[in-house]
Amino acid sequence: MAAGKEIRDKIKSVENTKKITKAMEMVAASKMRKAQDRMRAARPYSEKVRAIAVNLGEANPEYVHPFMRVHDVKASGFVVVTTDKGLCGGMNTNILRAVTNKMRDVQAQGHDIRTVAIGNKGLGFLNRIGAKVFAQATQLGDTPHLDRLIGPVKVLLDQYAKGELNAVYLCYTRFINTMKQESVVERLLPLSAAEMSEQSRAAGAQHSWDYIYEPDAQSVIDDLLLRYVEALVYQAVAENMASEQSARMVAMKAATDNAGNVISELKLVYNKTRQAGITKELSEIVAGAAAV
């Protein structure tokens, strides 16, 4: 019964794997709820900052922030947000494929590529394709902290403010629902008052406001637009973390179900093998008795 022992060992191995995937599914389900709550809690702040930035853009003050200026240079920046860990289905593969396509389009125009990696998976991918990684943030844990995010991203923001980049793109996975996540590559800089106004109207805003600047327009707009960009980056990371836990929960559930199917098939093969062995032994006994 050597074949039977091998099948029993395989069944035990798959059962151990099933226990691991089931535990990971339950952990991801627990973390998913917290990540979704954190993501939704950040949305009101980012929406309010966006509304104020839209109103300031439409007010047309004399001062124009460097983030709103357009530079004619042959270089573009990418902030690539991925996960630190794997086992979350095709989530990282999808966003990195979208990043690759966008980089290919930008390079076709003769532009140099500069990147910032948030997450181990994106960092490893960018290193493998030979991209210039100017900064990185990894091992963020389950809770994103703005003080750890804005440092690496500020490298590209400062380069854009100096006129060294013509655009900065933010690449992440947007959370739609538990079963669906969307890969997003959106332009972070330059900020366009017209585009922000269109987004504001799409969100339901019907009018804009003018402001009295105190102490002056430059100080207010400098601080506000920096907070606006920080809010966009934080929201992207929060969305990515919520997407990660959802994708991992779904992937581990599928793995657990597949392990159950494999165990059922192996048990069926084992029973057939055992039955065939018993039938063979009975046939030999009957044949021996008949010969006597």
C-alpha atoms as a PDB file:
ATOM      1  CA  MET A   1       0.000   0.000   0.000  1.00  0.00           C
ATOM      2  CA  ALA A   2       2.855   2.371  -0.807  1.00  0.00           C
ATOM      3  CA  ALA A   3       0.554   4.349  -3.111  1.00  0.00           C
ATOM      4  CA  GLY A   4      -2.019   4.641  -0.308  1.00  0.00           C
ATOM      5  CA  LYS A   5       0.598   6.047   2.092  1.00  0.00           C
ATOM      6  CA  GLU A   6       1.663   8.648  -0.479  1.00  0.00           C
ATOM      7  CA  ILE A   7      -1.956   9.728  -0.964  1.00  0.00           C
ATOM      8  CA  ARG A   8      -2.451   9.995   2.821  1.00  0.00           C
ATOM      9  CA  ASP A   9       0.650  12.181   3.078  1.00  0.00           C
ATOM     10  CA  LYS A  10      -0.662  14.430   0.304  1.00  0.00           C
ATOM     11  CA  ILE A  11      -4.039  14.726   2.024  1.00  0.00           C
ATOM     12  CA  LYS A  12      -2.369  15.714   5.292  1.00  0.00           C
ATOM     13  CA  SER A  13      -0.201  18.273   3.504  1.00  0.00           C
ATOM     14  CA  VAL A  14      -3.183  19.885   1.751  1.00  0.00           C
ATOM     15  CA  GLU A  15      -5.149  19.914   5.009  1.00  0.00           C
ATOM     16  CA  ASN A  16      -2.314  21.826   6.699  1.00  0.00           C
ATOM     17  CA  THR A  17      -2.288  24.301   3.813  1.00  0.00           C
ATOM     18  CA  LYS A  18      -6.060  24.688   4.110  1.00  0.00           C
ATOM     19  CA  LYS A  19      -5.725  25.568   7.807  1.00  0.00           C
ATOM     20  CA  ILE A  20      -3.186  28.284   6.951  1.00  0.00           C
ATOM     21  CA  THR A  21      -5.271  29.834   4.166  1.00  0.00           C
ATOM     22  CA  LYS A  22      -8.391  29.741   6.359  1.00  0.00           C
ATOM     23  CA  ALA A  23      -6.542  31.546   9.153  1.00  0.00           C
ATOM     24  CA  MET A  24      -5.219  34.155   6.693  1.00  0.00           C
ATOM     25  CA  GLU A  25      -8.728  34.657   5.327  1.00  0.00           C
ATOM     26  CA  MET A  26     -10.086  35.353   8.815  1.00  0.00           C
ATOM     27  CA  VAL A  27      -7.237  37.739   9.659  1.00  0.00           C
ATOM     28  CA  ALA A  28      -7.720  39.625   6.376  1.00  0.00           C
ATOM     29  CA  ALA A  29     -11.467  39.895   7.030  1.00  0.00           C
ATOM     30  CA  SER A  30     -10.759  41.433  10.425  1.00  0.00           C
ATOM     31  CA  LYS A  31      -8.195  43.894   9.060  1.00  0.00           C
ATOM     32  CA  MET A  32     -10.395  44.726   6.068  1.00  0.00           C
ATOM     33  CA  ARG A  33     -13.098  46.269   8.261  1.00  0.00           C
ATOM     34  CA  LYS A  34     -10.588  48.503  10.034  1.00  0.00           C
ATOM     35  CA  ALA A  35      -8.916  49.505   6.758  1.00  0.00           C
ATOM     36  CA  GLN A  36     -12.262  50.420   5.202  1.00  0.00           C
ATOM     37  CA  ASP A  37     -13.238  52.491   8.234  1.00  0.00           C
ATOM     38  CA  ARG A  38      -9.879  54.304   8.106  1.00  0.00           C
ATOM     39  CA  MET A  39     -10.279  54.968   4.381  1.00  0.00           C
ATOM     40  CA  ARG A  40     -13.818  56.311   4.763  1.00  0.00           C
ATOM     41  CA  ALA A  41     -12.775  58.463   7.724  1.00  0.00           C
ATOM     42  CA  ALA A  42     -10.125  60.176   5.580  1.00  0.00           C
ATOM     43  CA  ARG A  43     -12.504  60.968   2.710  1.00  0.00           C
ATOM     44  CA  PRO A  44     -14.348  63.968   4.294  1.00  0.00           C
ATOM     45  CA  TYR A  45     -11.057  65.770   4.972  1.00  0.00           C
ATOM     46  CA  SER A  46      -9.692  65.160   1.483  1.00  0.00           C
ATOM     47  CA  GLU A  47     -12.998  66.238  -0.090  1.00  0.00           C
ATOM     48  CA  LYS A  48     -13.076  69.457   1.956  1.00  0.00           C
ATOM     49  CA  VAL A  49      -9.459  70.281   1.106  1.00  0.00           C
ATOM     50  CA  ARG A  50     -10.241  69.585  -2.555  1.00  0.00           C
ATOM     51  CA  ALA A  51     -13.258  71.943  -2.445  1.00  0.00           C
ATOM     52  CA  ILE A  52     -11.211  74.760  -0.927  1.00  0.00           C
ATOM     53  CA  ALA A  53      -8.398  74.196  -3.439  1.00  0.00           C
ATOM     54  CA  VAL A  54     -10.955  74.335  -6.280  1.00  0.00           C
ATOM     55  CA  ASN A  55     -12.374  77.622  -4.986  1.00  0.00           C
ATOM     56  CA  LEU A  56      -8.914  79.131  -4.672  1.00  0.00           C
ATOM     57  CA  GLY A  57      -8.080  78.015  -8.204  1.00  0.00           C
ATOM     58  CA  GLU A  58     -11.220  79.681  -9.557  1.00  0.00           C
ATOM     59  CA  ALA A  59     -10.640  82.860  -7.530  1.00  0.00           C
ATOM     60  CA  ASN A  60      -7.601  83.633  -9.731  1.00  0.00           C
ATOM     61  CA  PRO A  61      -5.389  85.422  -7.187  1.00  0.00           C
ATOM     62  CA  GLU A  62      -2.309  87.228  -8.394  1.00  0.00           C
ATOM     63  CA  TYR A  63      -0.053  84.545  -6.937  1.00  0.00           C
ATOM     64  CA  VAL A  64       0.313  81.243  -8.845  1.00  0.00           C
ATOM     65  CA  HIS A  65       1.662  78.303  -6.838  1.00  0.00           C
ATOM     66  CA  PRO A  66       4.535  76.253  -8.361  1.00  0.00           C
ATOM     67  CA  PHE A  67       2.305  73.155  -8.296  1.00  0.00           C
ATOM     68  CA  MET A  68      -0.060  74.863 -10.758  1.00  0.00           C
ATOM     69  CA  ARG A  69       2.636  75.913 -13.220  1.00  0.00           C
ATOM     70  CA  VAL A  70       3.291  73.838 -16.352  1.00  0.00           C
ATOM     71  CA  HIS A  71       6.936  73.000 -17.105  1.00  0.00           C
ATOM     72  CA  ASP A  72       8.245  72.112 -20.557  1.00  0.00           C
ATOM     73  CA  VAL A  73      10.899  69.555 -19.599  1.00  0.00           C
ATOM     74  CA  LYS A  74      11.542  65.968 -20.668  1.00  0.00           C
ATOM     75  CA  ALA A  75      11.066  64.209 -17.316  1.00  0.00           C
ATOM     76  CA  SER A  76       8.097  62.729 -15.430  1.00  0.00           C
ATOM     77  CA  GLY A  77       7.691  61.381 -11.921  1.00  0.00           C
ATOM     78  CA  PHE A  78       5.707  58.349 -10.713  1.00  0.00           C
ATOM     79  CA  VAL A  79       4.553  57.583  -7.160  1.00  0.00           C
ATOM     80  CA  VAL A  80       3.865  53.829  -7.221  1.00  0.00           C
ATOM     81  CA  VAL A  81       1.758  52.520  -4.311  1.00  0.00           C
ATOM     82  CA  THR A  82       1.713  48.745  -3.819  1.00  0.00           C
ATOM     83  CA  THR A  83       1.589  46.300  -0.902  1.00  0.00           C
ATOM     84  CA  ASP A  84       4.441  45.090   1.301  1.00  0.00           C
ATOM     85  CA  LYS A  85       3.168  41.487   1.257  1.00  0.00           C
ATOM     86  CA  GLY A  86       1.831  39.169  -1.404  1.00  0.00           C
ATOM     87  CA  LEU A  87      -0.990  36.600  -1.428  1.00  0.00           C
ATOM     88  CA  CYS A  88      -3.555  39.207  -2.475  1.00  0.00           C
ATOM     89  CA  GLY A  89      -4.541  37.869  -5.893  1.00  0.00           C
ATOM     90  CA  GLY A  90      -3.756  39.900  -8.983  1.00  0.00           C
ATOM     91  CA  MET A  91      -3.935  43.297  -7.265  1.00  0.00           C
ATOM     92  CA  ASN A  92      -0.238  44.191  -7.503  1.00  0.00           C
ATOM     93  CA  THR A  93       0.035  42.660 -10.968  1.00  0.00           C
ATOM     94  CA  ASN A  94      -2.799  44.845 -12.262  1.00  0.00           C
ATOM     95  CA  ILE A  95      -1.458  48.143 -10.926  1.00  0.00           C
ATOM     96  CA  LEU A  96       2.113  47.379 -12.032  1.00  0.00           C
ATOM     97  CA  ARG A  97       0.833  46.506 -15.518  1.00  0.00           C
ATOM     98  CA  ALA A  98      -0.969  49.878 -15.654  1.00  0.00           C
ATOM     99  CA  VAL A  99       2.205  51.639 -14.459  1.00  0.00           C
ATOM    100  CA  THR A 100       4.270  49.856 -17.102  1.00  0.00           C
ATOM    101  CA  ASN A 101       1.878  50.907 -19.877  1.00  0.00           C
ATOM    102  CA  LYS A 102       1.904  54.534 -18.704  1.00  0.00           C
ATOM    103  CA  MET A 103       5.697  54.577 -18.428  1.00  0.00           C
ATOM    104  CA  ARG A 104       5.951  53.159 -21.927  1.00  0.00           C
ATOM    105  CA  ASP A 105       3.731  55.955 -23.269  1.00  0.00           C
ATOM    106  CA  VAL A 106       5.745  58.612 -21.435  1.00  0.00           C
ATOM    107  CA  GLN A 107       9.079  57.197 -22.596  1.00  0.00           C
ATOM    108  CA  ALA A 108       7.763  57.107 -26.171  1.00  0.00           C
ATOM    109  CA  GLN A 109       7.575  60.909 -25.933  1.00  0.00           C
ATOM    110  CA  GLY A 110      11.260  61.044 -25.012  1.00  0.00           C
ATOM    111  CA  HIS A 111      10.737  61.692 -21.302  1.00  0.00           C
ATOM    112  CA  ASP A 112      12.974  60.481 -18.483  1.00  0.00           C
ATOM    113  CA  ILE A 113      11.292  58.498 -15.682  1.00  0.00           C
ATOM    114  CA  ARG A 114      11.806  59.159 -11.968  1.00  0.00           C
ATOM    115  CA  THR A 115       9.959  57.085  -9.398  1.00  0.00           C
ATOM    116  CA  VAL A 116       9.087  56.837  -5.714  1.00  0.00           C
ATOM    117  CA  ALA A 117       8.085  53.402  -4.385  1.00  0.00           C
ATOM    118  CA  ILE A 118       5.607  52.921  -1.551  1.00  0.00           C
ATOM    119  CA  GLY A 119       5.494  49.209  -0.723  1.00  0.00           C
ATOM    120  CA  ASN A 120       7.948  46.329  -1.152  1.00  0.00           C
ATOM    121  CA  LYS A 121       6.276  44.837  -4.223  1.00  0.00           C
ATOM    122  CA  GLY A 122       6.490  48.064  -6.205  1.00  0.00           C
ATOM    123  CA  LEU A 123      10.077  48.668  -5.063  1.00  0.00           C
ATOM    124  CA  GLY A 124      11.166  45.216  -6.212  1.00  0.00           C
ATOM    125  CA  PHE A 125       9.412  45.667  -9.560  1.00  0.00           C
ATOM    126  CA  LEU A 126      10.950  49.083 -10.227  1.00  0.00           C
ATOM    127  CA  ASN A 127      14.419  47.753  -9.388  1.00  0.00           C
ATOM    128  CA  ARG A 128      13.930  44.797 -11.747  1.00  0.00           C
ATOM    129  CA  ILE A 129      12.967  46.989 -14.707  1.00  0.00           C
ATOM    130  CA  GLY A 130      15.847  49.379 -14.018  1.00  0.00           C
ATOM    131  CA  ALA A 131      13.748  52.448 -13.144  1.00  0.00           C
ATOM    132  CA  LYS A 132      15.338  55.332 -11.218  1.00  0.00           C
ATOM    133  CA  VAL A 133      14.018  55.049  -7.647  1.00  0.00           C
ATOM    134  CA  PHE A 134      14.676  58.352  -5.858  1.00  0.00           C
ATOM    135  CA  ALA A 135      12.936  57.426  -2.569  1.00  0.00           C
ATOM    136  CA  GLN A 136      10.997  54.613  -0.966  1.00  0.00           C
ATOM    137  CA  ALA A 137       8.678  53.825   1.944  1.00  0.00           C
ATOM    138  CA  THR A 138       8.222  50.196   2.952  1.00  0.00           C
ATOM    139  CA  GLN A 139       6.960  48.210   5.942  1.00  0.00           C
ATOM    140  CA  LEU A 140       4.151  50.691   6.620  1.00  0.00           C
ATOM    141  CA  GLY A 141       2.158  48.164   8.659  1.00  0.00           C
ATOM    142  CA  ASP A 142      -1.617  48.157   8.780  1.00  0.00           C
ATOM    143  CA  THR A 143      -1.981  51.879   9.533  1.00  0.00           C
ATOM    144  CA  PRO A 144      -0.587  54.535   7.143  1.00  0.00           C
ATOM    145  CA  HIS A 145       1.187  57.486   8.788  1.00  0.00           C
ATOM    146  CA  LEU A 146       1.485  60.714   6.852  1.00  0.00           C
ATOM    147  CA  ASP A 147       4.867  61.585   8.357  1.00  0.00           C
ATOM    148  CA  ARG A 148       6.328  58.427   6.788  1.00  0.00           C
ATOM    149  CA  LEU A 149       4.654  59.015   3.421  1.00  0.00           C
ATOM    150  CA  ILE A 150       5.246  62.684   2.741  1.00  0.00           C
ATOM    151  CA  GLY A 151       9.045  62.417   3.100  1.00  0.00           C
ATOM    152  CA  PRO A 152       9.623  60.157   0.069  1.00  0.00           C
ATOM    153  CA  VAL A 153       6.888  61.867  -1.991  1.00  0.00           C
ATOM    154  CA  LYS A 154       8.340  65.308  -1.206  1.00  0.00           C
ATOM    155  CA  VAL A 155      11.390  64.372  -3.282  1.00  0.00           C
ATOM    156  CA  LEU A 156       9.278  64.483  -6.461  1.00  0.00           C
ATOM    157  CA  LEU A 157       7.249  67.470  -5.239  1.00  0.00           C
ATOM    158  CA  ASP A 158      10.428  69.499  -4.724  1.00  0.00           C
ATOM    159  CA  GLN A 159      11.751  68.480  -8.132  1.00  0.00           C
ATOM    160  CA  TYR A 160       8.499  69.617  -9.738  1.00  0.00           C
ATOM    161  CA  ALA A 161       8.556  72.926  -7.845  1.00  0.00           C
ATOM    162  CA  LYS A 162      12.090  73.519  -9.177  1.00  0.00           C
ATOM    163  CA  GLY A 163      10.896  72.912 -12.741  1.00  0.00           C
ATOM    164  CA  GLU A 164      12.729  69.594 -13.201  1.00  0.00           C
ATOM    165  CA  LEU A 165       9.571  67.568 -13.939  1.00  0.00           C
ATOM    166  CA  ASN A 166       6.691  68.212 -16.306  1.00  0.00           C
ATOM    167  CA  ALA A 167       4.233  65.909 -14.456  1.00  0.00           C
ATOM    168  CA  VAL A 168       3.908  63.678 -11.397  1.00  0.00           C
ATOM    169  CA  TYR A 169       1.585  60.644 -11.542  1.00  0.00           C
ATOM    170  CA  LEU A 170       0.027  58.845  -8.568  1.00  0.00           C
ATOM    171  CA  CYS A 171      -0.493  55.099  -9.123  1.00  0.00           C
ATOM    172  CA  TYR A 172      -2.540  53.019  -6.675  1.00  0.00           C
ATOM    173  CA  THR A 173      -5.475  50.613  -6.375  1.00  0.00           C
ATOM    174  CA  ARG A 174      -8.816  52.280  -5.620  1.00  0.00           C
ATOM    175  CA  PHE A 175     -11.279  50.454  -3.380  1.00  0.00           C
ATOM    176  CA  ILE A 176     -14.698  50.004  -5.025  1.00  0.00           C
ATOM    177  CA  ASN A 177     -16.167  47.226  -2.893  1.00  0.00           C
ATOM    178  CA  THR A 178     -15.070  43.979  -1.302  1.00  0.00           C
ATOM    179  CA  MET A 179     -15.122  42.101  -4.595  1.00  0.00           C
ATOM    180  CA  LYS A 180     -13.836  44.855  -6.877  1.00  0.00           C
ATOM    181  CA  GLN A 181     -10.739  47.052  -6.882  1.00  0.00           C
ATOM    182  CA  GLU A 182      -9.644  49.400  -9.650  1.00  0.00           C
ATOM    183  CA  SER A 183      -6.096  50.225 -10.788  1.00  0.00           C
ATOM    184  CA  VAL A 184      -5.669  53.997 -11.049  1.00  0.00           C
ATOM    185  CA  VAL A 185      -2.905  56.070 -12.657  1.00  0.00           C
ATOM    186  CA  GLU A 186      -3.869  59.714 -12.183  1.00  0.00           C
ATOM    187  CA  ARG A 187      -1.940  62.949 -12.610  1.00  0.00           C
ATOM    188  CA  LEU A 188      -0.993  64.482  -9.278  1.00  0.00           C
ATOM    189  CA  LEU A 189       0.887  67.503 -10.659  1.00  0.00           C
ATOM    190  CA  PRO A 190       0.472  70.001 -12.227  1.00  0.00           C
ATOM    191  CA  LEU A 191      -2.754  70.936 -10.482  1.00  0.00           C
ATOM    192  CA  SER A 192      -5.269  72.307 -12.958  1.00  0.00           C
ATOM    193  CA  ALA A 193      -8.022  74.612 -11.703  1.00  0.00           C
ATOM    194  CA  ALA A 194     -10.236  73.518 -14.618  1.00  0.00           C
ATOM    195  CA  GLU A 195      -9.818  69.799 -13.819  1.00  0.00           C
ATOM    196  CA  MET A 196     -10.375  70.331 -10.094  1.00  0.00           C
ATOM    197  CA  SER A 197     -13.501  72.346 -10.881  1.00  0.00           C
ATOM    198  CA  GLU A 198     -14.822  69.547 -13.100  1.00  0.00           C
ATOM    199  CA  GLN A 199     -14.199  67.012 -10.321  1.00  0.00           C
ATOM    200  CA  SER A 200     -15.929  69.308  -7.834  1.00  0.00           C
ATOM    201  CA  ARG A 201     -18.996  69.661 -10.066  1.00  0.00           C
ATOM    202  CA  ALA A 202     -19.074  65.893 -10.563  1.00  0.00           C
ATOM    203  CA  ALA A 203     -19.115  65.569  -6.767  1.00  0.00           C
ATOM    204  CA  GLY A 204     -22.169  67.827  -6.571  1.00  0.00           C
ATOM    205  CA  ALA A 205     -20.749  71.301  -5.847  1.00  0.00           C
ATOM    206  CA  GLN A 206     -22.897  74.024  -7.440  1.00  0.00           C
ATOM    207  CA  HIS A 207     -20.973  77.208  -6.680  1.00  0.00           C
ATOM    208  CA  SER A 208     -17.566  78.522  -5.633  1.00  0.00           C
ATOM    209  CA  TRP A 209     -16.367  80.999  -3.048  1.00  0.00           C
ATOM    210  CA  ASP A 210     -13.931  83.890  -3.000  1.00  0.00           C
ATOM    211  CA  TYR A 211     -11.669  84.537  -0.027  1.00  0.00           C
ATOM    212  CA  ILE A 212      -9.917  87.311   1.844  1.00  0.00           C
ATOM    213  CA  TYR A 213      -6.330  86.166   2.380  1.00  0.00           C
ATOM    214  CA  GLU A 214      -4.676  86.718   5.741  1.00  0.00           C
ATOM    215  CA  PRO A 215      -1.772  87.392   6.024  1.00  0.00           C
ATOM    216  CA  ASP A 216      -1.356  87.120   2.234  1.00  0.00           C
ATOM    217  CA  ALA A 217      -2.378  84.929  -0.710  1.00  0.00           C
ATOM    218  CA  GLN A 218       1.059  83.286  -1.084  1.00  0.00           C
ATOM    219  CA  SER A 219       1.223  81.972   2.508  1.00  0.00           C
ATOM    220  CA  VAL A 220      -2.329  80.641   2.437  1.00  0.00           C
ATOM    221  CA  ILE A 221      -2.089  78.972  -0.982  1.00  0.00           C
ATOM    222  CA  ASP A 222       1.350  77.474  -0.274  1.00  0.00           C
ATOM    223  CA  ASP A 223       0.110  75.725   2.868  1.00  0.00           C
ATOM    224  CA  LEU A 224      -3.238  74.734   1.391  1.00  0.00           C
ATOM    225  CA  LEU A 225      -1.947  73.145  -1.809  1.00  0.00           C
ATOM    226  CA  LEU A 226       0.726  71.259   0.125  1.00  0.00           C
ATOM    227  CA  ARG A 227      -1.990  69.861   2.413  1.00  0.00           C
ATOM    228  CA  TYR A 228      -4.075  69.083  -0.659  1.00  0.00           C
ATOM    229  CA  VAL A 229      -1.321  66.980  -2.232  1.00  0.00           C
ATOM    230  CA  GLU A 230      -0.614  65.285   1.112  1.00  0.00           C
ATOM    231  CA  ALA A 231      -4.313  64.433   1.448  1.00  0.00           C
ATOM    232  CA  LEU A 232      -4.339  62.875  -2.026  1.00  0.00           C
ATOM    233  CA  VAL A 233      -1.291  60.722  -1.231  1.00  0.00           C
ATOM    234  CA  TYR A 234      -2.646  59.610   2.152  1.00  0.00           C
ATOM    235  CA  GLN A 235      -6.038  58.790   0.650  1.00  0.00           C
ATOM    236  CA  ALA A 236      -4.356  56.755  -2.113  1.00  0.00           C
ATOM    237  CA  VAL A 237      -2.404  54.700   0.449  1.00  0.00           C
ATOM    238  CA  ALA A 238      -5.524  54.204   2.593  1.00  0.00           C
ATOM    239  CA  GLU A 239      -7.485  53.057  -0.477  1.00  0.00           C
ATOM    240  CA  ASN A 240      -4.639  50.716  -1.424  1.00  0.00           C
ATOM    241  CA  MET A 241      -4.560  49.141   2.051  1.00  0.00           C
ATOM    242  CA  ALA A 242      -8.313  48.583   2.053  1.00  0.00           C
ATOM    243  CA  SER A 243      -8.020  47.023  -1.407  1.00  0.00           C
ATOM    244  CA  GLU A 244      -5.160  44.815  -0.201  1.00  0.00           C
ATOM    245  CA  GLN A 245      -7.115  43.296   2.677  1.00  0.00           C
ATOM    246  CA  SER A 246     -10.201  42.777   0.514  1.00  0.00           C
ATOM    247  CA  ALA A 247      -8.187  41.134  -2.260  1.00  0.00           C
ATOM    248  CA  ARG A 248      -6.323  38.951   0.245  1.00  0.00           C
ATOM    249  CA  MET A 249      -9.551  37.810   1.895  1.00  0.00           C
ATOM    250  CA  VAL A 250     -11.055  36.849  -1.465  1.00  0.00           C
ATOM    251  CA  ALA A 251      -7.842  35.124  -2.605  1.00  0.00           C
ATOM    252  CA  MET A 252      -7.493  33.134   0.620  1.00  0.00           C
ATOM    253  CA  LYS A 253     -11.151  32.096   0.506  1.00  0.00           C
ATOM    254  CA  ALA A 254     -10.644  30.823  -3.037  1.00  0.00           C
ATOM    255  CA  ALA A 255      -7.491  28.990  -1.930  1.00  0.00           C
ATOM    256  CA  THR A 256      -9.342  27.423   1.004  1.00  0.00           C
ATOM    257  CA  ASP A 257     -12.174  26.278  -1.259  1.00  0.00           C
ATOM    258  CA  ASN A 258      -9.701  24.846  -3.782  1.00  0.00           C
ATOM    259  CA  ALA A 259      -7.863  23.003  -1.007  1.00  0.00           C
ATOM    260  CA  GLY A 260     -11.171  21.457   0.073  1.00  0.00           C
ATOM    261  CA  ASN A 261     -11.818  20.295  -3.485  1.00  0.00           C
ATOM    262  CA  VAL A 262      -8.317  18.804  -3.756  1.00  0.00           C
ATOM    263  CA  ILE A 263      -8.785  16.960  -0.448  1.00  0.00           C
ATOM    264  CA  SER A 264     -12.101  15.510  -1.645  1.00  0.00           C
ATOM    265  CA  GLU A 265     -10.507  14.322  -4.873  1.00  0.00           C
ATOM    266  CA  LEU A 266      -7.526  12.802  -3.046  1.00  0.00           C
ATOM    267  CA  LYS A 267      -9.819  10.988  -0.596  1.00  0.00           C
ATOM    268  CA  LEU A 268     -11.788   9.573  -3.522  1.00  0.00           C
ATOM    269  CA  VAL A 269      -8.576   8.346  -5.174  1.00  0.00           C
ATOM    270  CA  TYR A 270      -7.388   6.906  -1.849  1.00  0.00           C
ATOM    271  CA  ASN A 271     -10.660   5.028  -1.309  1.00  0.00           C
ATOM    272  CA  LYS A 272     -10.588   3.652  -4.846  1.00  0.00           C
ATOM    273  CA  THR A 273      -6.970   2.534  -4.395  1.00  0.00           C
ATOM    274  CA  ARG A 274      -7.771   0.934  -1.022  1.00  0.00           C
ATOM    275  CA  GLN A 275     -10.855  -0.795  -2.464  1.00  0.00           C
ATOM    276  CA  ALA A 276      -8.838  -2.097  -5.402  1.00  0.00           C
ATOM    277  CA  GLY A 277      -6.238  -3.491  -2.992  1.00  0.00           C
ATOM    278  CA  ILE A 278      -8.891  -5.231  -0.865  1.00  0.00           C
ATOM    279  CA  THR A 279     -10.568  -6.670  -3.984  1.00  0.00           C
ATOM    280  CA  LYS A 280      -7.231  -7.995  -5.204  1.00  0.00           C
ATOM    281  CA  GLU A 281      -6.516  -9.689  -1.863  1.00  0.00           C
ATOM    282  CA  LEU A 282      -9.993 -11.264  -1.803  1.00  0.00           C
ATOM    283  CA  SER A 283      -9.519 -12.547  -5.349  1.00  0.00           C
ATOM    284  CA  GLU A 284      -6.219 -14.129  -4.386  1.00  0.00           C
ATOM    285  CA  ILE A 285      -7.824 -15.818  -1.327  1.00  0.00           C
ATOM    286  CA  VAL A 286     -10.727 -17.153  -3.402  1.00  0.00           C
ATOM    287  CA  ALA A 287      -8.367 -18.362  -6.122  1.00  0.00           C
ATOM    288  CA  GLY A 288      -6.214 -20.141  -3.519  1.00  0.00           C
ATOM    289  CA  ALA A 289      -9.243 -21.810  -1.899  1.00  0.00           C
ATOM    290  CA  ALA A 290     -10.516 -22.978  -5.298  1.00  0.00           C
ATOM    291  CA  ALA A 291      -7.119 -24.470  -6.124  1.00  0.00           C
ATOM    292  CA  VAL A 292      -7.137 -26.501  -2.931  1.00  0.00           C
END
